[in-house]
Amino acid sequence: MAASPHTLSSRLLAGWVGGCVWYLERRTIQESPHKFLHLFRNVNKRWITFQHFSFLKRMYVTQLNRSHNQQVKPKPEPVASPFLEKTSSGQAKAEMYEMRPLSPPSLSLSRKPNEKELIELEPASVIEDSIDVRKETKEEKRWKEMKLQVYDLPGILARLSKIKLTGLVVSTTAAGFALAPGPFDWPCFLLTSVGTGLASCAANSINQFFEVPFDSNMNRTKNRPLVRGQISPLLAVSFATCCAVPGVAILTWGVNPLTGALGLFNIFLYTCCYTPLKRISIVNTWVGAVVGAIPPVMGWTAATGSLGAGAFLLGGILYSWQFPHFNALSWGLREDYSRGGYCMMSVTHPGLCRRVALRHCLALLVLSAAAPVLDITTWTFPFVALPINAYISYLGFRFYMDADRRSSRRLFFCSLWHLPLLLLLMLTCKRPRGDGDAAPPPS
């Protein structure tokens, strides 16, 4: 039976509508994940924007609090530089604690400025204060010529010549003179002491003149006169010349030519060998020990006019004593020496530094026992000197084993009193004049 036209058109319309619905449903299912992800991204972007806003808000509050603190706190007092001239303290304090008003003169006194006005005024006042501080700092850091006062000159020259070290050199020279056989000649003794002191002052001054750029990097030597600019290099060299020439002349013509030659050689060894070697090799420590061993030899030659076994024994004691003394000192100054560029055993060869100090502590025992053998002291001396020699040897052993700052300081401070006490014991145990000579048998 044939379908009517109306029924056919109804079926076609229903089929077309169903296809459209099916297509729309499929399209919706395919695009829904993309729309969800897009929505999630938008939410994430809004969340990040909110976080940025919170961060900027916290930064603004922190900056505001910082400006408040800068406004309230007074300016710290700048550290006075030793290179600059001192200004009047009243004027400096007045400039330092001067506070600027927060409100401009246009605001009336009857009303208080609100918070918004204060916030606007704070940055301007802080900027002005920082500009003033920068100007003051520039003026303070500017180098000014230091004026040398006449009454300051003796103290400056004493530090230039290392007056304490010079005193130690003169005392060891006096010990060598007193331990020498023969009568004690007071004029010769005074001339020897003065000449040796002048030669030591000259050598120390020239040493500081050469080491100015390196001493400025070390905390131990940064306050020396030439480093601080208290005197000119020309004045330092002139002072060294005025000490060296009369010192060597006194030793040569006032005492004897051998003592003068030893004094001149010691100045040359200290200034031209030891000083440059300090930046080249650790051999400088052994050369410096020779420099320290020559003064008692000069005292012996001044009294006898010749080099004897006693002169070499005294020189050996001074030579060995310097290693525990200086190695212990340099152990606590390793950072300073490395900063200054000096080549020291404690910096480059720490194990050797400790071994050498211990060896020469033990060598003092042997040298003290050799004194009566060479007829310089009686046999009492090795026994009375045994406690102090054993103690410094024990401290040298502790320094060798522990290798710390405490053991090095103990050894260094022990060496300061060990040498004068040892020389004093040698003087008290000195062999009497003529005791070593055998009496002729009776006829």
Protein backbone atom coordinates (compact mmCIF):
# COMPACT_ATOMS: atom_id res chain seq x y z
CA MET A 1 0.00 0.00 0.00
CA ALA A 2 1.56 3.31 -1.00
CA ALA A 3 2.35 5.93 1.67
CA SER A 4 0.69 9.23 1.47
CA PRO A 5 2.74 12.34 0.68
CA HIS A 6 1.99 13.80 4.11
CA THR A 7 3.34 10.78 5.94
CA LEU A 8 6.57 10.77 3.86
CA SER A 9 7.27 14.42 4.54
CA SER A 10 6.72 13.87 8.27
CA ARG A 11 9.29 11.03 8.31
CA LEU A 12 11.85 13.08 6.41
CA LEU A 13 11.42 15.98 8.81
CA ALA A 14 11.85 13.71 11.86
CA GLY A 15 15.00 12.19 10.40
CA TRP A 16 16.57 15.61 9.67
CA VAL A 17 15.80 16.90 13.16
CA GLY A 18 17.28 13.76 14.72
CA GLY A 19 20.49 14.15 12.71
CA CYS A 20 20.89 17.73 13.79
CA VAL A 21 20.39 16.79 17.43
CA TRP A 22 22.94 13.95 17.12
CA TYR A 23 25.49 16.29 15.51
CA LEU A 24 25.07 18.95 18.21
CA GLU A 25 25.39 16.39 21.01
CA ARG A 26 28.59 15.00 19.50
CA ARG A 27 30.06 18.48 19.03
CA THR A 28 29.25 19.38 22.60
CA ILE A 29 30.92 16.23 23.97
CA GLN A 30 34.10 16.87 21.95
CA GLU A 31 34.49 20.54 22.95
CA SER A 32 33.56 20.26 26.60
CA PRO A 33 37.09 19.27 27.82
CA HIS A 34 38.66 22.22 25.96
CA LYS A 35 36.17 24.62 27.49
CA PHE A 36 36.86 23.17 30.96
CA LEU A 37 40.63 23.56 30.55
CA HIS A 38 40.21 27.09 29.28
CA LEU A 39 38.09 27.93 32.29
CA PHE A 40 40.70 26.34 34.61
CA ARG A 41 43.45 28.45 33.03
CA ASN A 42 41.44 31.60 33.57
CA VAL A 43 40.99 30.68 37.20
CA ASN A 44 44.71 30.02 37.56
CA LYS A 45 45.52 33.38 35.96
CA ARG A 46 43.23 35.13 38.39
CA TRP A 47 44.87 33.27 41.32
CA ILE A 48 48.40 34.28 40.18
CA THR A 49 47.27 37.86 39.75
CA PHE A 50 45.95 37.83 43.31
CA GLN A 51 49.26 36.45 44.61
CA HIS A 52 51.19 39.19 42.80
CA PHE A 53 48.90 41.75 44.29
CA SER A 54 49.50 40.38 47.80
CA PHE A 55 53.29 40.40 47.23
CA LEU A 56 53.28 44.02 46.03
CA LYS A 57 51.20 44.97 49.01
CA ARG A 58 53.67 43.39 51.44
CA MET A 59 56.59 45.11 49.65
CA TYR A 60 54.87 48.46 50.00
CA VAL A 61 54.24 47.94 53.72
CA THR A 62 57.87 46.86 54.30
CA GLN A 63 59.24 49.89 52.43
CA LEU A 64 56.93 52.15 54.42
CA ASN A 65 58.12 50.69 57.75
CA ARG A 66 61.73 51.04 56.65
CA SER A 67 61.26 54.70 55.83
CA HIS A 68 59.68 55.21 59.27
CA ASN A 69 62.68 53.57 60.96
CA GLN A 70 65.13 55.68 58.96
CA GLN A 71 63.23 58.79 59.91
CA VAL A 72 63.22 58.05 63.65
CA LYS A 73 66.73 56.63 64.24
CA PRO A 74 69.66 59.12 64.49
CA LYS A 75 72.55 58.86 62.12
CA PRO A 76 75.38 56.66 63.39
CA GLU A 77 78.58 58.46 64.31
CA PRO A 78 81.23 57.84 61.62
CA VAL A 79 84.51 56.24 62.67
CA ALA A 80 87.31 58.76 62.81
CA SER A 81 90.05 57.99 60.31
CA PRO A 82 93.67 58.33 61.47
CA PHE A 83 94.54 60.01 58.18
CA LEU A 84 92.18 62.91 58.69
CA GLU A 85 92.31 65.97 60.87
CA LYS A 86 89.92 66.01 63.78
CA THR A 87 87.01 68.39 63.52
CA SER A 88 85.32 70.01 66.47
CA SER A 89 83.16 67.44 68.27
CA GLY A 90 80.34 69.90 68.98
CA GLN A 91 79.90 70.82 65.34
CA ALA A 92 80.05 67.17 64.22
CA LYS A 93 77.42 66.09 66.74
CA ALA A 94 75.15 68.99 65.82
CA GLU A 95 75.29 68.01 62.15
CA MET A 96 74.89 64.34 62.96
CA TYR A 97 71.77 64.52 65.08
CA GLU A 98 70.03 67.24 63.13
CA MET A 99 66.45 66.10 62.30
CA ARG A 100 64.43 67.62 59.52
CA PRO A 101 60.77 68.60 60.16
CA LEU A 102 58.19 66.24 58.78
CA SER A 103 55.65 68.83 57.85
CA PRO A 104 56.21 71.80 55.50
CA PRO A 105 55.77 75.35 56.79
CA SER A 106 52.54 75.65 54.78
CA LEU A 107 50.74 73.38 57.28
CA SER A 108 49.10 75.21 60.11
CA LEU A 109 50.03 74.37 63.68
CA SER A 110 46.42 74.13 64.74
CA ARG A 111 45.76 70.95 62.75
CA LYS A 112 47.77 67.74 62.70
CA PRO A 113 48.87 66.36 59.33
CA ASN A 114 46.97 63.28 58.38
CA GLU A 115 48.55 59.96 57.53
CA LYS A 116 48.42 60.51 53.78
CA GLU A 117 50.39 63.75 53.99
CA LEU A 118 53.04 62.13 56.21
CA ILE A 119 53.50 59.30 53.73
CA GLU A 120 53.97 61.80 50.90
CA LEU A 121 56.50 63.86 52.89
CA GLU A 122 58.63 60.97 54.17
CA PRO A 123 60.32 59.95 50.89
CA ALA A 124 61.39 63.54 50.18
CA SER A 125 62.94 64.00 53.64
CA VAL A 126 64.70 60.62 53.47
CA ILE A 127 66.20 61.49 50.06
CA GLU A 128 67.44 64.87 51.35
CA ASP A 129 68.99 63.24 54.42
CA SER A 130 70.76 60.61 52.30
CA ILE A 131 72.18 63.33 50.02
CA ASP A 132 73.53 65.23 53.05
CA VAL A 133 75.08 62.06 54.50
CA ARG A 134 76.72 61.32 51.15
CA LYS A 135 78.22 64.81 51.02
CA GLU A 136 79.54 64.52 54.59
CA THR A 137 81.04 61.09 53.88
CA LYS A 138 82.80 62.41 50.76
CA GLU A 139 84.34 65.27 52.72
CA GLU A 140 85.42 62.95 55.54
CA LYS A 141 87.03 60.41 53.20
CA ARG A 142 89.02 63.05 51.36
CA TRP A 143 92.75 62.69 52.08
CA LYS A 144 94.28 65.57 53.97
CA GLU A 145 97.91 66.31 54.71
CA MET A 146 98.86 65.30 58.25
CA LYS A 147 100.76 67.92 60.16
CA LEU A 148 103.86 66.65 61.96
CA GLN A 149 104.28 68.17 65.39
CA VAL A 150 107.76 68.47 66.85
CA TYR A 151 106.80 66.84 70.16
CA ASP A 152 105.43 63.78 68.26
CA LEU A 153 108.68 63.19 66.38
CA PRO A 154 110.58 61.21 69.11
CA GLY A 155 107.75 58.71 69.48
CA ILE A 156 107.39 58.31 65.71
CA LEU A 157 111.12 57.74 65.26
CA ALA A 158 111.11 55.25 68.13
CA ARG A 159 108.40 53.22 66.37
CA LEU A 160 110.25 53.57 63.06
CA SER A 161 113.40 52.10 64.60
CA LYS A 162 111.47 49.34 66.51
CA ILE A 163 112.79 50.51 69.84
CA LYS A 164 111.84 47.31 71.72
CA LEU A 165 113.68 45.10 69.23
CA THR A 166 116.64 47.48 69.35
CA GLY A 167 116.67 47.18 73.14
CA LEU A 168 116.81 43.38 72.85
CA VAL A 169 119.72 43.63 70.39
CA VAL A 170 121.67 45.95 72.70
CA SER A 171 121.03 43.69 75.71
CA THR A 172 122.37 40.60 73.91
CA THR A 173 125.41 42.61 72.82
CA ALA A 174 125.98 43.65 76.42
CA ALA A 175 125.71 40.00 77.53
CA GLY A 176 128.37 38.99 75.01
CA PHE A 177 130.65 41.79 76.24
CA ALA A 178 130.16 40.82 79.89
CA LEU A 179 130.74 37.10 79.30
CA ALA A 180 134.02 37.67 77.45
CA PRO A 181 137.21 37.02 79.41
CA GLY A 182 139.30 39.94 80.53
CA PRO A 183 138.71 43.11 82.55
CA PHE A 184 135.47 45.02 82.09
CA ASP A 185 136.15 48.28 80.22
CA TRP A 186 133.29 50.71 80.82
CA PRO A 187 134.09 53.27 78.06
CA CYS A 188 134.42 50.48 75.50
CA PHE A 189 131.18 48.92 76.75
CA LEU A 190 129.26 52.21 76.37
CA LEU A 191 130.65 52.82 72.88
CA THR A 192 129.74 49.26 71.87
CA SER A 193 126.16 49.65 73.17
CA VAL A 194 125.64 53.03 71.48
CA GLY A 195 127.11 51.90 68.17
CA THR A 196 125.10 48.65 68.13
CA GLY A 197 121.89 50.53 68.99
CA LEU A 198 122.41 53.04 66.18
CA ALA A 199 123.15 50.26 63.69
CA SER A 200 119.97 48.43 64.77
CA CYS A 201 117.87 51.60 64.42
CA ALA A 202 119.22 52.12 60.89
CA ALA A 203 118.51 48.54 59.81
CA ASN A 204 114.95 48.59 61.20
CA SER A 205 114.17 51.94 59.56
CA ILE A 206 115.35 50.78 56.14
CA ASN A 207 113.35 47.58 56.59
CA GLN A 208 110.15 49.55 57.19
CA PHE A 209 110.92 51.81 54.23
CA PHE A 210 111.06 48.80 51.87
CA GLU A 211 107.95 47.09 53.26
CA VAL A 212 105.44 49.96 53.25
CA PRO A 213 103.13 48.53 50.51
CA PHE A 214 103.09 45.11 52.19
CA ASP A 215 102.75 46.32 55.78
CA SER A 216 99.58 48.18 54.82
CA ASN A 217 97.85 44.83 54.18
CA MET A 218 98.64 43.38 57.62
CA ASN A 219 96.81 44.14 60.85
CA ARG A 220 100.05 43.75 62.80
CA THR A 221 101.93 46.42 60.84
CA LYS A 222 99.26 48.72 59.39
CA ASN A 223 99.83 51.37 62.10
CA ARG A 224 103.52 51.85 61.42
CA PRO A 225 104.58 55.49 60.85
CA LEU A 226 105.36 55.17 57.15
CA VAL A 227 102.16 53.23 56.45
CA ARG A 228 100.02 55.86 58.18
CA GLY A 229 101.88 58.69 56.48
CA GLN A 230 103.04 60.27 59.74
CA ILE A 231 106.49 60.91 58.24
CA SER A 232 107.73 61.05 54.67
CA PRO A 233 109.93 58.32 53.15
CA LEU A 234 112.68 60.91 52.69
CA LEU A 235 112.71 61.63 56.42
CA ALA A 236 112.82 57.89 57.19
CA VAL A 237 115.80 57.32 54.88
CA SER A 238 117.55 60.40 56.26
CA PHE A 239 117.05 59.14 59.82
CA ALA A 240 118.41 55.69 58.85
CA THR A 241 121.48 57.30 57.27
CA CYS A 242 122.07 59.48 60.32
CA CYS A 243 121.99 56.35 62.48
CA ALA A 244 124.02 54.01 60.26
CA VAL A 245 126.98 56.29 59.53
CA PRO A 246 127.85 57.32 63.12
CA GLY A 247 126.94 53.85 64.43
CA VAL A 248 129.41 52.05 62.16
CA ALA A 249 131.98 54.79 62.73
CA ILE A 250 131.74 54.42 66.52
CA LEU A 251 132.10 50.63 66.29
CA THR A 252 135.05 50.87 63.87
CA TRP A 253 137.14 53.67 65.38
CA GLY A 254 135.79 53.75 68.93
CA VAL A 255 135.87 49.98 69.55
CA ASN A 256 137.79 47.97 66.91
CA PRO A 257 137.56 47.39 63.12
CA LEU A 258 136.31 43.79 63.54
CA THR A 259 133.26 44.91 65.51
CA GLY A 260 132.60 47.70 62.99
CA ALA A 261 132.79 45.24 60.10
CA LEU A 262 130.32 42.92 61.87
CA GLY A 263 127.94 45.83 62.43
CA LEU A 264 128.10 46.90 58.78
CA PHE A 265 127.66 43.32 57.60
CA ASN A 266 124.61 42.90 59.85
CA ILE A 267 122.94 46.02 58.41
CA PHE A 268 123.55 44.72 54.89
CA LEU A 269 122.30 41.21 55.77
CA TYR A 270 119.09 42.51 57.35
CA THR A 271 118.17 45.12 54.74
CA CYS A 272 119.45 43.63 51.49
CA CYS A 273 119.08 39.87 52.12
CA TYR A 274 116.52 39.16 54.82
CA THR A 275 113.98 41.83 53.80
CA PRO A 276 113.58 40.84 50.10
CA LEU A 277 113.80 37.10 50.94
CA LYS A 278 110.66 37.40 53.07
CA ARG A 279 108.62 37.48 49.84
CA ILE A 280 110.64 34.86 47.96
CA SER A 281 111.57 31.86 50.12
CA ILE A 282 111.28 30.43 53.63
CA VAL A 283 115.09 30.64 53.80
CA ASN A 284 114.47 34.14 55.16
CA THR A 285 113.87 32.63 58.62
CA TRP A 286 117.38 31.13 58.74
CA VAL A 287 118.93 34.36 57.41
CA GLY A 288 117.03 36.34 60.04
CA ALA A 289 118.33 33.97 62.73
CA VAL A 290 121.90 34.73 61.61
CA VAL A 291 121.12 38.46 61.87
CA GLY A 292 119.94 37.96 65.46
CA ALA A 293 122.97 35.84 66.36
CA ILE A 294 125.57 38.46 65.36
CA PRO A 295 125.02 41.07 68.18
CA PRO A 296 126.39 38.88 71.05
CA VAL A 297 129.33 38.03 68.80
CA MET A 298 129.91 41.78 68.38
CA GLY A 299 129.92 42.16 72.16
CA TRP A 300 132.52 39.42 72.48
CA THR A 301 134.76 40.89 69.77
CA ALA A 302 134.43 44.35 71.31
CA ALA A 303 135.82 43.02 74.60
CA THR A 304 138.50 40.67 73.22
CA GLY A 305 139.23 41.97 69.72
CA SER A 306 138.96 38.49 68.20
CA LEU A 307 136.53 35.68 67.48
CA GLY A 308 136.74 32.87 70.01
CA ALA A 309 134.82 29.74 70.91
CA GLY A 310 132.70 31.72 73.35
CA ALA A 311 131.58 34.08 70.59
CA PHE A 312 130.33 31.20 68.46
CA LEU A 313 128.62 29.58 71.47
CA LEU A 314 126.73 32.78 72.30
CA GLY A 315 125.84 33.21 68.64
CA GLY A 316 124.59 29.60 68.55
CA ILE A 317 122.36 30.15 71.60
CA LEU A 318 120.81 33.26 70.02
CA TYR A 319 120.49 31.46 66.69
CA SER A 320 118.61 28.49 68.18
CA TRP A 321 116.45 30.62 70.48
CA GLN A 322 115.00 32.58 67.56
CA PHE A 323 113.31 29.57 65.93
CA PRO A 324 110.87 28.70 68.74
CA HIS A 325 110.39 32.41 69.33
CA PHE A 326 109.60 33.44 65.76
CA ASN A 327 107.91 30.22 64.59
CA ALA A 328 105.49 30.38 67.50
CA LEU A 329 104.83 34.06 66.77
CA SER A 330 104.27 33.51 63.06
CA TRP A 331 101.89 30.58 63.72
CA GLY A 332 99.32 32.95 65.18
CA LEU A 333 99.86 35.46 62.35
CA ARG A 334 99.48 33.10 59.39
CA GLU A 335 96.47 34.96 57.97
CA ASP A 336 98.30 38.26 58.32
CA TYR A 337 101.47 37.01 56.61
CA SER A 338 99.54 35.41 53.75
CA ARG A 339 97.56 38.63 53.28
CA GLY A 340 100.79 40.62 53.16
CA GLY A 341 102.34 38.21 50.65
CA TYR A 342 105.19 37.01 52.89
CA CYS A 343 106.64 33.53 52.41
CA MET A 344 106.82 32.10 55.94
CA MET A 345 107.22 28.53 57.16
CA SER A 346 103.99 28.75 59.14
CA VAL A 347 102.08 29.57 55.93
CA THR A 348 103.71 27.37 53.30
CA HIS A 349 105.29 24.56 55.40
CA PRO A 350 103.39 24.28 58.71
CA GLY A 351 104.82 20.84 59.54
CA LEU A 352 108.38 22.03 59.01
CA CYS A 353 107.66 25.10 61.13
CA ARG A 354 106.75 22.94 64.14
CA ARG A 355 109.62 20.49 63.65
CA VAL A 356 112.25 23.25 63.40
CA ALA A 357 110.92 24.91 66.56
CA LEU A 358 111.16 21.63 68.51
CA ARG A 359 114.67 20.84 67.21
CA HIS A 360 116.09 24.17 68.31
CA CYS A 361 114.40 23.93 71.71
CA LEU A 362 116.35 20.70 72.22
CA ALA A 363 119.48 22.36 70.80
CA LEU A 364 119.39 24.85 73.68
CA LEU A 365 119.95 21.94 76.08
CA VAL A 366 123.05 20.87 74.16
CA LEU A 367 124.45 24.39 73.86
CA SER A 368 123.98 25.03 77.58
CA ALA A 369 125.90 21.83 78.35
CA ALA A 370 128.72 22.97 76.02
CA ALA A 371 129.28 26.25 77.92
CA PRO A 372 131.45 24.77 80.72
CA VAL A 373 133.30 22.61 78.24
CA LEU A 374 134.47 25.77 76.44
CA ASP A 375 135.46 27.41 79.77
CA ILE A 376 132.81 30.11 79.55
CA THR A 377 130.80 29.08 82.63
CA THR A 378 131.21 26.70 85.51
CA TRP A 379 129.65 23.25 85.57
CA THR A 380 126.86 24.63 87.70
CA PHE A 381 125.30 26.40 84.73
CA PRO A 382 123.96 23.34 82.82
CA PHE A 383 122.16 22.13 85.95
CA VAL A 384 120.63 25.46 86.98
CA ALA A 385 119.59 26.11 83.36
CA LEU A 386 118.11 22.62 82.98
CA PRO A 387 114.61 23.49 84.34
CA ILE A 388 114.00 26.43 81.98
CA ASN A 389 115.52 24.59 79.01
CA ALA A 390 113.41 21.51 79.77
CA TYR A 391 110.28 23.63 80.10
CA ILE A 392 110.75 25.40 76.75
CA SER A 393 111.48 22.00 75.18
CA TYR A 394 108.24 20.66 76.64
CA LEU A 395 106.30 23.62 75.20
CA GLY A 396 108.02 23.06 71.86
CA PHE A 397 106.88 19.43 71.96
CA ARG A 398 103.30 20.48 72.78
CA PHE A 399 103.41 22.95 69.88
CA TYR A 400 104.67 20.17 67.59
CA MET A 401 101.90 17.78 68.69
CA ASP A 402 98.91 20.12 69.06
CA ALA A 403 99.66 22.66 66.31
CA ASP A 404 97.09 25.12 67.60
CA ARG A 405 97.04 28.76 68.56
CA ARG A 406 97.09 28.09 72.30
CA SER A 407 100.27 26.01 72.26
CA SER A 408 102.01 28.53 69.97
CA ARG A 409 101.13 31.42 72.30
CA ARG A 410 102.47 29.55 75.32
CA LEU A 411 105.74 28.82 73.53
CA PHE A 412 106.08 32.42 72.36
CA PHE A 413 105.51 33.96 75.80
CA CYS A 414 107.90 31.44 77.35
CA SER A 415 110.60 32.51 74.90
CA LEU A 416 110.24 36.13 76.03
CA TRP A 417 111.47 35.38 79.56
CA HIS A 418 113.61 32.36 78.71
CA LEU A 419 116.41 34.23 76.91
CA PRO A 420 117.07 36.99 79.49
CA LEU A 421 116.92 34.44 82.31
CA LEU A 422 119.31 32.11 80.50
CA LEU A 423 121.82 34.92 79.87
CA LEU A 424 121.52 36.04 83.49
CA LEU A 425 122.28 32.50 84.67
CA MET A 426 125.32 32.44 82.37
CA LEU A 427 126.58 35.68 83.91
CA THR A 428 126.14 34.39 87.45
CA CYS A 429 127.93 31.13 86.56
CA LYS A 430 130.71 32.80 84.56
CA ARG A 431 134.08 31.18 85.08
CA PRO A 432 136.30 33.47 87.19
CA ARG A 433 139.25 35.08 85.44
CA GLY A 434 142.33 32.87 85.57
CA ASP A 435 140.40 29.82 86.86
CA GLY A 436 141.14 27.81 83.75
CA ASP A 437 144.90 28.44 83.93
CA ALA A 438 146.94 25.77 85.70
CA ALA A 439 149.23 26.94 88.47
CA PRO A 440 152.96 26.16 87.98
CA PRO A 441 154.23 23.34 90.19
CA PRO A 442 156.49 24.39 93.07
CA SER A 443 160.24 23.85 92.60
